[in-house]
Amino acid sequence: MVWMRKPKVISSEEVKHIARLCKIEVTDQEENLFTSQLNDVLCFFKAIEKVETSSTLPTFHVSQKRNVLRKDTVGSCLPREKAMQNAKKKEDGFFKAPRIA
């Protein structure tokens, strides 16, 4: 990236350690690439930290819309037979599921 050249923040050893934690294998080429990319991301965050934001109000939502959900209204119930018609196992009008203990 072009922003600025930076000192290494994340080492190749740390990238290898992260890969081991994630249980993924990375080649030497991928290790170098990921090290460079992660350092670029952290460098960009350092650049963002320098932006003056003291007069900016916090933004929690992109739009000013509030609850846009539909009204919760009572409707007719699904008949038991229809609700249970595709159940693999049923007993005495109830769904039967494996015991979990």
PDB file of N, CA and C in Angstrom:
ATOM      1  N   MET A   1       0.841  -1.181   0.000  1.00  0.00           N
ATOM      2  CA  MET A   1       0.000   0.000   0.000  1.00  0.00           C
ATOM      3  C   MET A   1       0.881   1.238   0.000  1.00  0.00           C
ATOM      4  N   VAL A   2       0.285   2.363  -0.355  1.00  0.00           N
ATOM      5  CA  VAL A   2       1.060   3.560  -0.595  1.00  0.00           C
ATOM      6  C   VAL A   2       1.062   4.531   0.579  1.00  0.00           C
ATOM      7  N   TRP A   3       0.170   4.367   1.582  1.00  0.00           N
ATOM      8  CA  TRP A   3       0.013   5.395   2.616  1.00  0.00           C
ATOM      9  C   TRP A   3       1.332   5.815   3.197  1.00  0.00           C
ATOM     10  N   MET A   4       2.041   4.863   3.780  1.00  0.00           N
ATOM     11  CA  MET A   4       3.343   5.143   4.368  1.00  0.00           C
ATOM     12  C   MET A   4       4.028   3.823   4.656  1.00  0.00           C
ATOM     13  N   ARG A   5       5.323   3.821   4.576  1.00  0.00           N
ATOM     14  CA  ARG A   5       6.034   2.597   4.944  1.00  0.00           C
ATOM     15  C   ARG A   5       6.135   2.582   6.451  1.00  0.00           C
ATOM     16  N   LYS A   6       5.991   1.440   7.000  1.00  0.00           N
ATOM     17  CA  LYS A   6       5.844   1.328   8.437  1.00  0.00           C
ATOM     18  C   LYS A   6       6.786   0.290   9.003  1.00  0.00           C
ATOM     19  N   PRO A   7       7.034   0.390  10.289  1.00  0.00           N
ATOM     20  CA  PRO A   7       7.783  -0.689  10.921  1.00  0.00           C
ATOM     21  C   PRO A   7       6.874  -1.907  11.030  1.00  0.00           C
ATOM     22  N   LYS A   8       7.458  -3.083  11.072  1.00  0.00           N
ATOM     23  CA  LYS A   8       6.640  -4.297  11.194  1.00  0.00           C
ATOM     24  C   LYS A   8       5.938  -4.316  12.538  1.00  0.00           C
ATOM     25  N   VAL A   9       4.654  -4.539  12.495  1.00  0.00           N
ATOM     26  CA  VAL A   9       3.856  -4.638  13.708  1.00  0.00           C
ATOM     27  C   VAL A   9       3.585  -6.100  14.004  1.00  0.00           C
ATOM     28  N   ILE A  10       3.353  -6.879  12.973  1.00  0.00           N
ATOM     29  CA  ILE A  10       3.113  -8.313  13.114  1.00  0.00           C
ATOM     30  C   ILE A  10       4.248  -9.048  12.403  1.00  0.00           C
ATOM     31  N   SER A  11       4.838  -9.985  13.112  1.00  0.00           N
ATOM     32  CA  SER A  11       5.967 -10.728  12.540  1.00  0.00           C
ATOM     33  C   SER A  11       5.475 -11.986  11.828  1.00  0.00           C
ATOM     34  N   SER A  12       6.359 -12.570  11.047  1.00  0.00           N
ATOM     35  CA  SER A  12       6.048 -13.832  10.366  1.00  0.00           C
ATOM     36  C   SER A  12       5.762 -14.928  11.391  1.00  0.00           C
ATOM     37  N   GLU A  13       6.487 -14.902  12.499  1.00  0.00           N
ATOM     38  CA  GLU A  13       6.260 -15.895  13.547  1.00  0.00           C
ATOM     39  C   GLU A  13       4.839 -15.790  14.104  1.00  0.00           C
ATOM     40  N   GLU A  14       4.349 -14.558  14.267  1.00  0.00           N
ATOM     41  CA  GLU A  14       2.980 -14.373  14.763  1.00  0.00           C
ATOM     42  C   GLU A  14       1.958 -14.870  13.749  1.00  0.00           C
ATOM     43  N   VAL A  15       2.241 -14.668  12.481  1.00  0.00           N
ATOM     44  CA  VAL A  15       1.339 -15.179  11.440  1.00  0.00           C
ATOM     45  C   VAL A  15       1.320 -16.711  11.480  1.00  0.00           C
ATOM     46  N   LYS A  16       2.486 -17.327  11.653  1.00  0.00           N
ATOM     47  CA  LYS A  16       2.549 -18.794  11.768  1.00  0.00           C
ATOM     48  C   LYS A  16       1.755 -19.259  12.989  1.00  0.00           C
ATOM     49  N   HIS A  17       1.901 -18.533  14.099  1.00  0.00           N
ATOM     50  CA  HIS A  17       1.191 -18.891  15.326  1.00  0.00           C
ATOM     51  C   HIS A  17      -0.326 -18.795  15.119  1.00  0.00           C
ATOM     52  N   ILE A  18      -0.773 -17.724  14.476  1.00  0.00           N
ATOM     53  CA  ILE A  18      -2.203 -17.552  14.191  1.00  0.00           C
ATOM     54  C   ILE A  18      -2.696 -18.683  13.289  1.00  0.00           C
ATOM     55  N   ALA A  19      -1.900 -19.042  12.291  1.00  0.00           N
ATOM     56  CA  ALA A  19      -2.277 -20.138  11.389  1.00  0.00           C
ATOM     57  C   ALA A  19      -2.414 -21.446  12.160  1.00  0.00           C
ATOM     58  N   ARG A  20      -1.497 -21.696  13.104  1.00  0.00           N
ATOM     59  CA  ARG A  20      -1.591 -22.918  13.918  1.00  0.00           C
ATOM     60  C   ARG A  20      -2.857 -22.895  14.770  1.00  0.00           C
ATOM     61  N   LEU A  21      -3.168 -21.737  15.354  1.00  0.00           N
ATOM     62  CA  LEU A  21      -4.382 -21.628  16.160  1.00  0.00           C
ATOM     63  C   LEU A  21      -5.627 -21.885  15.322  1.00  0.00           C
ATOM     64  N   CYS A  22      -5.597 -21.436  14.075  1.00  0.00           N
ATOM     65  CA  CYS A  22      -6.734 -21.624  13.161  1.00  0.00           C
ATOM     66  C   CYS A  22      -6.713 -23.005  12.514  1.00  0.00           C
ATOM     67  N   LYS A  23      -5.664 -23.753  12.786  1.00  0.00           N
ATOM     68  CA  LYS A  23      -5.490 -25.092  12.216  1.00  0.00           C
ATOM     69  C   LYS A  23      -5.517 -25.068  10.694  1.00  0.00           C
ATOM     70  N   ILE A  24      -4.770 -24.105  10.142  1.00  0.00           N
ATOM     71  CA  ILE A  24      -4.618 -24.039   8.689  1.00  0.00           C
ATOM     72  C   ILE A  24      -3.131 -24.056   8.359  1.00  0.00           C
ATOM     73  N   GLU A  25      -2.813 -24.623   7.234  1.00  0.00           N
ATOM     74  CA  GLU A  25      -1.431 -24.644   6.774  1.00  0.00           C
ATOM     75  C   GLU A  25      -1.231 -23.486   5.816  1.00  0.00           C
ATOM     76  N   VAL A  26      -0.132 -22.768   5.984  1.00  0.00           N
ATOM     77  CA  VAL A  26       0.197 -21.681   5.071  1.00  0.00           C
ATOM     78  C   VAL A  26       1.592 -21.928   4.507  1.00  0.00           C
ATOM     79  N   THR A  27       1.735 -21.634   3.239  1.00  0.00           N
ATOM     80  CA  THR A  27       3.046 -21.762   2.605  1.00  0.00           C
ATOM     81  C   THR A  27       3.888 -20.558   2.999  1.00  0.00           C
ATOM     82  N   ASP A  28       5.170 -20.622   2.706  1.00  0.00           N
ATOM     83  CA  ASP A  28       6.051 -19.481   2.994  1.00  0.00           C
ATOM     84  C   ASP A  28       5.591 -18.245   2.232  1.00  0.00           C
ATOM     85  N   GLN A  29       5.122 -18.457   1.002  1.00  0.00           N
ATOM     86  CA  GLN A  29       4.639 -17.344   0.190  1.00  0.00           C
ATOM     87  C   GLN A  29       3.391 -16.719   0.827  1.00  0.00           C
ATOM     88  N   GLU A  30       2.448 -17.556   1.282  1.00  0.00           N
ATOM     89  CA  GLU A  30       1.235 -17.053   1.943  1.00  0.00           C
ATOM     90  C   GLU A  30       1.585 -16.357   3.252  1.00  0.00           C
ATOM     91  N   GLU A  31       2.544 -16.919   3.986  1.00  0.00           N
ATOM     92  CA  GLU A  31       2.968 -16.318   5.248  1.00  0.00           C
ATOM     93  C   GLU A  31       3.495 -14.897   5.018  1.00  0.00           C
ATOM     94  N   ASN A  32       4.324 -14.727   4.007  1.00  0.00           N
ATOM     95  CA  ASN A  32       4.851 -13.397   3.686  1.00  0.00           C
ATOM     96  C   ASN A  32       3.736 -12.450   3.243  1.00  0.00           C
ATOM     97  N   LEU A  33       2.816 -12.976   2.431  1.00  0.00           N
ATOM     98  CA  LEU A  33       1.702 -12.170   1.949  1.00  0.00           C
ATOM     99  C   LEU A  33       0.820 -11.727   3.111  1.00  0.00           C
ATOM    100  N   PHE A  34       0.448 -12.666   3.992  1.00  0.00           N
ATOM    101  CA  PHE A  34      -0.425 -12.336   5.121  1.00  0.00           C
ATOM    102  C   PHE A  34       0.261 -11.375   6.089  1.00  0.00           C
ATOM    103  N   THR A  35       1.556 -11.567   6.303  1.00  0.00           N
ATOM    104  CA  THR A  35       2.292 -10.652   7.175  1.00  0.00           C
ATOM    105  C   THR A  35       2.233  -9.234   6.614  1.00  0.00           C
ATOM    106  N   SER A  36       2.471  -9.111   5.334  1.00  0.00           N
ATOM    107  CA  SER A  36       2.427  -7.798   4.688  1.00  0.00           C
ATOM    108  C   SER A  36       1.022  -7.195   4.745  1.00  0.00           C
ATOM    109  N   GLN A  37       0.021  -8.012   4.433  1.00  0.00           N
ATOM    110  CA  GLN A  37      -1.359  -7.513   4.426  1.00  0.00           C
ATOM    111  C   GLN A  37      -1.813  -7.089   5.829  1.00  0.00           C
ATOM    112  N   LEU A  38      -1.505  -7.890   6.837  1.00  0.00           N
ATOM    113  CA  LEU A  38      -1.908  -7.529   8.197  1.00  0.00           C
ATOM    114  C   LEU A  38      -1.195  -6.271   8.666  1.00  0.00           C
ATOM    115  N   ASN A  39       0.056  -6.111   8.304  1.00  0.00           N
ATOM    116  CA  ASN A  39       0.780  -4.888   8.655  1.00  0.00           C
ATOM    117  C   ASN A  39       0.197  -3.681   7.935  1.00  0.00           C
ATOM    118  N   ASP A  40      -0.236  -3.856   6.683  1.00  0.00           N
ATOM    119  CA  ASP A  40      -0.888  -2.757   5.954  1.00  0.00           C
ATOM    120  C   ASP A  40      -2.187  -2.342   6.642  1.00  0.00           C
ATOM    121  N   VAL A  41      -2.969  -3.328   7.081  1.00  0.00           N
ATOM    122  CA  VAL A  41      -4.233  -3.031   7.767  1.00  0.00           C
ATOM    123  C   VAL A  41      -3.965  -2.259   9.054  1.00  0.00           C
ATOM    124  N   LEU A  42      -3.002  -2.731   9.849  1.00  0.00           N
ATOM    125  CA  LEU A  42      -2.684  -2.044  11.102  1.00  0.00           C
ATOM    126  C   LEU A  42      -2.128  -0.644  10.855  1.00  0.00           C
ATOM    127  N   CYS A  43      -1.360  -0.495   9.792  1.00  0.00           N
ATOM    128  CA  CYS A  43      -0.841   0.824   9.422  1.00  0.00           C
ATOM    129  C   CYS A  43      -1.995   1.763   9.054  1.00  0.00           C
ATOM    130  N   PHE A  44      -2.963   1.233   8.346  1.00  0.00           N
ATOM    131  CA  PHE A  44      -4.123   2.046   7.977  1.00  0.00           C
ATOM    132  C   PHE A  44      -4.892   2.471   9.228  1.00  0.00           C
ATOM    133  N   PHE A  45      -5.039   1.570  10.195  1.00  0.00           N
ATOM    134  CA  PHE A  45      -5.701   1.925  11.454  1.00  0.00           C
ATOM    135  C   PHE A  45      -4.939   3.027  12.177  1.00  0.00           C
ATOM    136  N   LYS A  46      -3.609   2.972  12.134  1.00  0.00           N
ATOM    137  CA  LYS A  46      -2.803   4.029  12.767  1.00  0.00           C
ATOM    138  C   LYS A  46      -3.048   5.369  12.077  1.00  0.00           C
ATOM    139  N   ALA A  47      -3.221   5.334  10.758  1.00  0.00           N
ATOM    140  CA  ALA A  47      -3.506   6.571  10.028  1.00  0.00           C
ATOM    141  C   ALA A  47      -4.883   7.106  10.402  1.00  0.00           C
ATOM    142  N   ILE A  48      -5.852   6.216  10.574  1.00  0.00           N
ATOM    143  CA  ILE A  48      -7.202   6.629  10.960  1.00  0.00           C
ATOM    144  C   ILE A  48      -7.206   7.245  12.351  1.00  0.00           C
ATOM    145  N   GLU A  49      -6.364   6.728  13.243  1.00  0.00           N
ATOM    146  CA  GLU A  49      -6.301   7.259  14.607  1.00  0.00           C
ATOM    147  C   GLU A  49      -5.924   8.738  14.630  1.00  0.00           C
ATOM    148  N   LYS A  50      -5.223   9.205  13.614  1.00  0.00           N
ATOM    149  CA  LYS A  50      -4.760  10.598  13.574  1.00  0.00           C
ATOM    150  C   LYS A  50      -5.851  11.576  13.143  1.00  0.00           C
ATOM    151  N   VAL A  51      -6.983  11.077  12.675  1.00  0.00           N
ATOM    152  CA  VAL A  51      -8.069  11.937  12.212  1.00  0.00           C
ATOM    153  C   VAL A  51      -8.721  12.617  13.415  1.00  0.00           C
ATOM    154  N   GLU A  52      -8.937  13.922  13.320  1.00  0.00           N
ATOM    155  CA  GLU A  52      -9.557  14.698  14.390  1.00  0.00           C
ATOM    156  C   GLU A  52     -11.061  14.432  14.390  1.00  0.00           C
ATOM    157  N   THR A  53     -11.560  13.841  15.478  1.00  0.00           N
ATOM    158  CA  THR A  53     -12.980  13.481  15.551  1.00  0.00           C
ATOM    159  C   THR A  53     -13.669  14.039  16.792  1.00  0.00           C
ATOM    160  N   SER A  54     -13.018  14.941  17.507  1.00  0.00           N
ATOM    161  CA  SER A  54     -13.600  15.414  18.769  1.00  0.00           C
ATOM    162  C   SER A  54     -14.917  16.164  18.562  1.00  0.00           C
ATOM    163  N   SER A  55     -15.119  16.766  17.410  1.00  0.00           N
ATOM    164  CA  SER A  55     -16.367  17.491  17.176  1.00  0.00           C
ATOM    165  C   SER A  55     -17.402  16.652  16.426  1.00  0.00           C
ATOM    166  N   THR A  56     -17.115  15.397  16.202  1.00  0.00           N
ATOM    167  CA  THR A  56     -18.026  14.514  15.478  1.00  0.00           C
ATOM    168  C   THR A  56     -18.845  13.695  16.462  1.00  0.00           C
ATOM    169  N   LEU A  57     -20.162  13.722  16.268  1.00  0.00           N
ATOM    170  CA  LEU A  57     -21.039  12.934  17.124  1.00  0.00           C
ATOM    171  C   LEU A  57     -20.933  11.456  16.766  1.00  0.00           C
ATOM    172  N   PRO A  58     -21.047  10.582  17.756  1.00  0.00           N
ATOM    173  CA  PRO A  58     -21.006   9.143  17.454  1.00  0.00           C
ATOM    174  C   PRO A  58     -22.176   8.733  16.567  1.00  0.00           C
ATOM    175  N   THR A  59     -21.934   7.806  15.683  1.00  0.00           N
ATOM    176  CA  THR A  59     -22.970   7.282  14.801  1.00  0.00           C
ATOM    177  C   THR A  59     -23.133   5.797  15.109  1.00  0.00           C
ATOM    178  N   PHE A  60     -24.337   5.436  15.519  1.00  0.00           N
ATOM    179  CA  PHE A  60     -24.593   4.043  15.833  1.00  0.00           C
ATOM    180  C   PHE A  60     -25.299   3.341  14.684  1.00  0.00           C
ATOM    181  N   HIS A  61     -26.038   4.102  13.876  1.00  0.00           N
ATOM    182  CA  HIS A  61     -26.742   3.545  12.731  1.00  0.00           C
ATOM    183  C   HIS A  61     -26.508   4.454  11.540  1.00  0.00           C
ATOM    184  N   VAL A  62     -26.422   3.851  10.379  1.00  0.00           N
ATOM    185  CA  VAL A  62     -26.184   4.619   9.169  1.00  0.00           C
ATOM    186  C   VAL A  62     -27.387   5.487   8.834  1.00  0.00           C
ATOM    187  N   SER A  63     -28.591   4.943   9.029  1.00  0.00           N
ATOM    188  CA  SER A  63     -29.798   5.713   8.735  1.00  0.00           C
ATOM    189  C   SER A  63     -30.496   6.077  10.041  1.00  0.00           C
ATOM    190  N   GLN A  64     -31.390   7.019   9.970  1.00  0.00           N
ATOM    191  CA  GLN A  64     -32.106   7.472  11.157  1.00  0.00           C
ATOM    192  C   GLN A  64     -33.395   6.687  11.391  1.00  0.00           C
ATOM    193  N   LYS A  65     -33.630   5.648  10.594  1.00  0.00           N
ATOM    194  CA  LYS A  65     -34.847   4.863  10.747  1.00  0.00           C
ATOM    195  C   LYS A  65     -34.842   4.135  12.080  1.00  0.00           C
ATOM    196  N   ARG A  66     -35.983   4.111  12.679  1.00  0.00           N
ATOM    197  CA  ARG A  66     -36.141   3.350  13.920  1.00  0.00           C
ATOM    198  C   ARG A  66     -36.772   2.015  13.581  1.00  0.00           C
ATOM    199  N   ASN A  67     -37.408   1.380  14.517  1.00  0.00           N
ATOM    200  CA  ASN A  67     -37.998   0.068  14.331  1.00  0.00           C
ATOM    201  C   ASN A  67     -38.816   0.010  13.038  1.00  0.00           C
ATOM    202  N   VAL A  68     -38.356  -0.766  12.083  1.00  0.00           N
ATOM    203  CA  VAL A  68     -39.051  -0.881  10.799  1.00  0.00           C
ATOM    204  C   VAL A  68     -39.741  -2.238  10.656  1.00  0.00           C
ATOM    205  N   LEU A  69     -39.976  -2.896  11.784  1.00  0.00           N
ATOM    206  CA  LEU A  69     -40.647  -4.188  11.757  1.00  0.00           C
ATOM    207  C   LEU A  69     -42.162  -4.001  11.659  1.00  0.00           C
ATOM    208  N   ARG A  70     -42.828  -5.020  11.195  1.00  0.00           N
ATOM    209  CA  ARG A  70     -44.285  -4.955  11.089  1.00  0.00           C
ATOM    210  C   ARG A  70     -44.909  -5.049  12.472  1.00  0.00           C
ATOM    211  N   LYS A  71     -46.162  -4.672  12.575  1.00  0.00           N
ATOM    212  CA  LYS A  71     -46.901  -4.802  13.830  1.00  0.00           C
ATOM    213  C   LYS A  71     -47.079  -6.281  14.139  1.00  0.00           C
ATOM    214  N   ASP A  72     -46.986  -6.617  15.402  1.00  0.00           N
ATOM    215  CA  ASP A  72     -47.183  -7.995  15.829  1.00  0.00           C
ATOM    216  C   ASP A  72     -48.671  -8.196  16.087  1.00  0.00           C
ATOM    217  N   THR A  73     -49.320  -8.928  15.197  1.00  0.00           N
ATOM    218  CA  THR A  73     -50.764  -9.136  15.326  1.00  0.00           C
ATOM    219  C   THR A  73     -51.060 -10.620  15.468  1.00  0.00           C
ATOM    220  N   VAL A  74     -52.126 -10.921  16.170  1.00  0.00           N
ATOM    221  CA  VAL A  74     -52.550 -12.309  16.356  1.00  0.00           C
ATOM    222  C   VAL A  74     -53.244 -12.767  15.086  1.00  0.00           C
ATOM    223  N   GLY A  75     -52.868 -13.941  14.627  1.00  0.00           N
ATOM    224  CA  GLY A  75     -53.496 -14.509  13.442  1.00  0.00           C
ATOM    225  C   GLY A  75     -54.053 -15.876  13.763  1.00  0.00           C
ATOM    226  N   SER A  76     -54.562 -16.536  12.758  1.00  0.00           N
ATOM    227  CA  SER A  76     -55.117 -17.870  12.992  1.00  0.00           C
ATOM    228  C   SER A  76     -53.973 -18.872  13.149  1.00  0.00           C
ATOM    229  N   CYS A  77     -54.218 -19.865  13.970  1.00  0.00           N
ATOM    230  CA  CYS A  77     -53.210 -20.897  14.228  1.00  0.00           C
ATOM    231  C   CYS A  77     -53.233 -21.932  13.120  1.00  0.00           C
ATOM    232  N   LEU A  78     -52.098 -22.561  12.916  1.00  0.00           N
ATOM    233  CA  LEU A  78     -51.978 -23.651  11.965  1.00  0.00           C
ATOM    234  C   LEU A  78     -52.591 -24.895  12.601  1.00  0.00           C
ATOM    235  N   PRO A  79     -53.480 -25.594  11.903  1.00  0.00           N
ATOM    236  CA  PRO A  79     -54.063 -26.808  12.488  1.00  0.00           C
ATOM    237  C   PRO A  79     -52.964 -27.826  12.816  1.00  0.00           C
ATOM    238  N   ARG A  80     -53.139 -28.547  13.920  1.00  0.00           N
ATOM    239  CA  ARG A  80     -52.136 -29.500  14.397  1.00  0.00           C
ATOM    240  C   ARG A  80     -51.790 -30.527  13.320  1.00  0.00           C
ATOM    241  N   GLU A  81     -52.780 -31.041  12.624  1.00  0.00           N
ATOM    242  CA  GLU A  81     -52.531 -32.059  11.597  1.00  0.00           C
ATOM    243  C   GLU A  81     -51.613 -31.516  10.503  1.00  0.00           C
ATOM    244  N   LYS A  82     -51.867 -30.297  10.101  1.00  0.00           N
ATOM    245  CA  LYS A  82     -51.051 -29.694   9.037  1.00  0.00           C
ATOM    246  C   LYS A  82     -49.634 -29.434   9.541  1.00  0.00           C
ATOM    247  N   ALA A  83     -49.511 -28.964  10.790  1.00  0.00           N
ATOM    248  CA  ALA A  83     -48.194 -28.683  11.357  1.00  0.00           C
ATOM    249  C   ALA A  83     -47.367 -29.958  11.490  1.00  0.00           C
ATOM    250  N   MET A  84     -48.015 -31.074  11.738  1.00  0.00           N
ATOM    251  CA  MET A  84     -47.301 -32.318  12.003  1.00  0.00           C
ATOM    252  C   MET A  84     -47.209 -33.236  10.793  1.00  0.00           C
ATOM    253  N   GLN A  85     -47.782 -32.838   9.667  1.00  0.00           N
ATOM    254  CA  GLN A  85     -47.860 -33.743   8.523  1.00  0.00           C
ATOM    255  C   GLN A  85     -46.489 -34.173   8.002  1.00  0.00           C
ATOM    256  N   ASN A  86     -45.442 -33.368   8.128  1.00  0.00           N
ATOM    257  CA  ASN A  86     -44.116 -33.729   7.619  1.00  0.00           C
ATOM    258  C   ASN A  86     -43.148 -34.170   8.713  1.00  0.00           C
ATOM    259  N   ALA A  87     -43.633 -34.320   9.938  1.00  0.00           N
ATOM    260  CA  ALA A  87     -42.763 -34.729  11.049  1.00  0.00           C
ATOM    261  C   ALA A  87     -42.287 -36.156  10.836  1.00  0.00           C
ATOM    262  N   LYS A  88     -40.991 -36.382  11.021  1.00  0.00           N
ATOM    263  CA  LYS A  88     -40.454 -37.742  10.886  1.00  0.00           C
ATOM    264  C   LYS A  88     -41.020 -38.647  11.970  1.00  0.00           C
ATOM    265  N   LYS A  89     -41.022 -38.122  13.215  1.00  0.00           N
ATOM    266  CA  LYS A  89     -41.529 -38.923  14.336  1.00  0.00           C
ATOM    267  C   LYS A  89     -42.504 -38.084  15.133  1.00  0.00           C
ATOM    268  N   LYS A  90     -43.629 -38.681  15.480  1.00  0.00           N
ATOM    269  CA  LYS A  90     -44.624 -38.001  16.311  1.00  0.00           C
ATOM    270  C   LYS A  90     -45.255 -39.014  17.245  1.00  0.00           C
ATOM    271  N   GLU A  91     -45.725 -38.512  18.374  1.00  0.00           N
ATOM    272  CA  GLU A  91     -46.334 -39.397  19.362  1.00  0.00           C
ATOM    273  C   GLU A  91     -47.382 -38.622  20.140  1.00  0.00           C
ATOM    274  N   ASP A  92     -48.604 -39.135  20.178  1.00  0.00           N
ATOM    275  CA  ASP A  92     -49.718 -38.529  20.917  1.00  0.00           C
ATOM    276  C   ASP A  92     -49.924 -37.054  20.546  1.00  0.00           C
ATOM    277  N   GLY A  93     -49.766 -36.718  19.250  1.00  0.00           N
ATOM    278  CA  GLY A  93     -50.014 -35.361  18.800  1.00  0.00           C
ATOM    279  C   GLY A  93     -48.857 -34.401  19.031  1.00  0.00           C
ATOM    280  N   PHE A  94     -47.684 -34.923  19.412  1.00  0.00           N
ATOM    281  CA  PHE A  94     -46.507 -34.074  19.655  1.00  0.00           C
ATOM    282  C   PHE A  94     -45.361 -34.535  18.786  1.00  0.00           C
ATOM    283  N   PHE A  95     -44.430 -33.625  18.503  1.00  0.00           N
ATOM    284  CA  PHE A  95     -43.201 -33.990  17.806  1.00  0.00           C
ATOM    285  C   PHE A  95     -42.374 -34.842  18.751  1.00  0.00           C
ATOM    286  N   LYS A  96     -41.757 -35.898  18.214  1.00  0.00           N
ATOM    287  CA  LYS A  96     -40.902 -36.728  19.038  1.00  0.00           C
ATOM    288  C   LYS A  96     -39.468 -36.500  18.575  1.00  0.00           C
ATOM    289  N   ALA A  97     -38.613 -36.166  19.536  1.00  0.00           N
ATOM    290  CA  ALA A  97     -37.217 -35.886  19.234  1.00  0.00           C
ATOM    291  C   ALA A  97     -36.337 -36.778  20.071  1.00  0.00           C
ATOM    292  N   PRO A  98     -35.090 -36.982  19.655  1.00  0.00           N
ATOM    293  CA  PRO A  98     -34.186 -37.828  20.444  1.00  0.00           C
ATOM    294  C   PRO A  98     -33.943 -37.207  21.817  1.00  0.00           C
ATOM    295  N   ARG A  99     -33.750 -38.054  22.795  1.00  0.00           N
ATOM    296  CA  ARG A  99     -33.484 -37.594  24.148  1.00  0.00           C
ATOM    297  C   ARG A  99     -32.079 -36.985  24.197  1.00  0.00           C
ATOM    298  N   ILE A 100     -31.983 -35.848  24.853  1.00  0.00           N
ATOM    299  CA  ILE A 100     -30.687 -35.185  25.025  1.00  0.00           C
ATOM    300  C   ILE A 100     -30.427 -35.116  26.517  1.00  0.00           C
ATOM    301  N   ALA A 101     -29.360 -35.768  26.933  1.00  0.00           N
ATOM    302  CA  ALA A 101     -29.055 -35.786  28.372  1.00  0.00           C
ATOM    303  C   ALA A 101     -27.642 -35.399  28.622  1.00  0.00           C
TER     304      ALA A 101
END
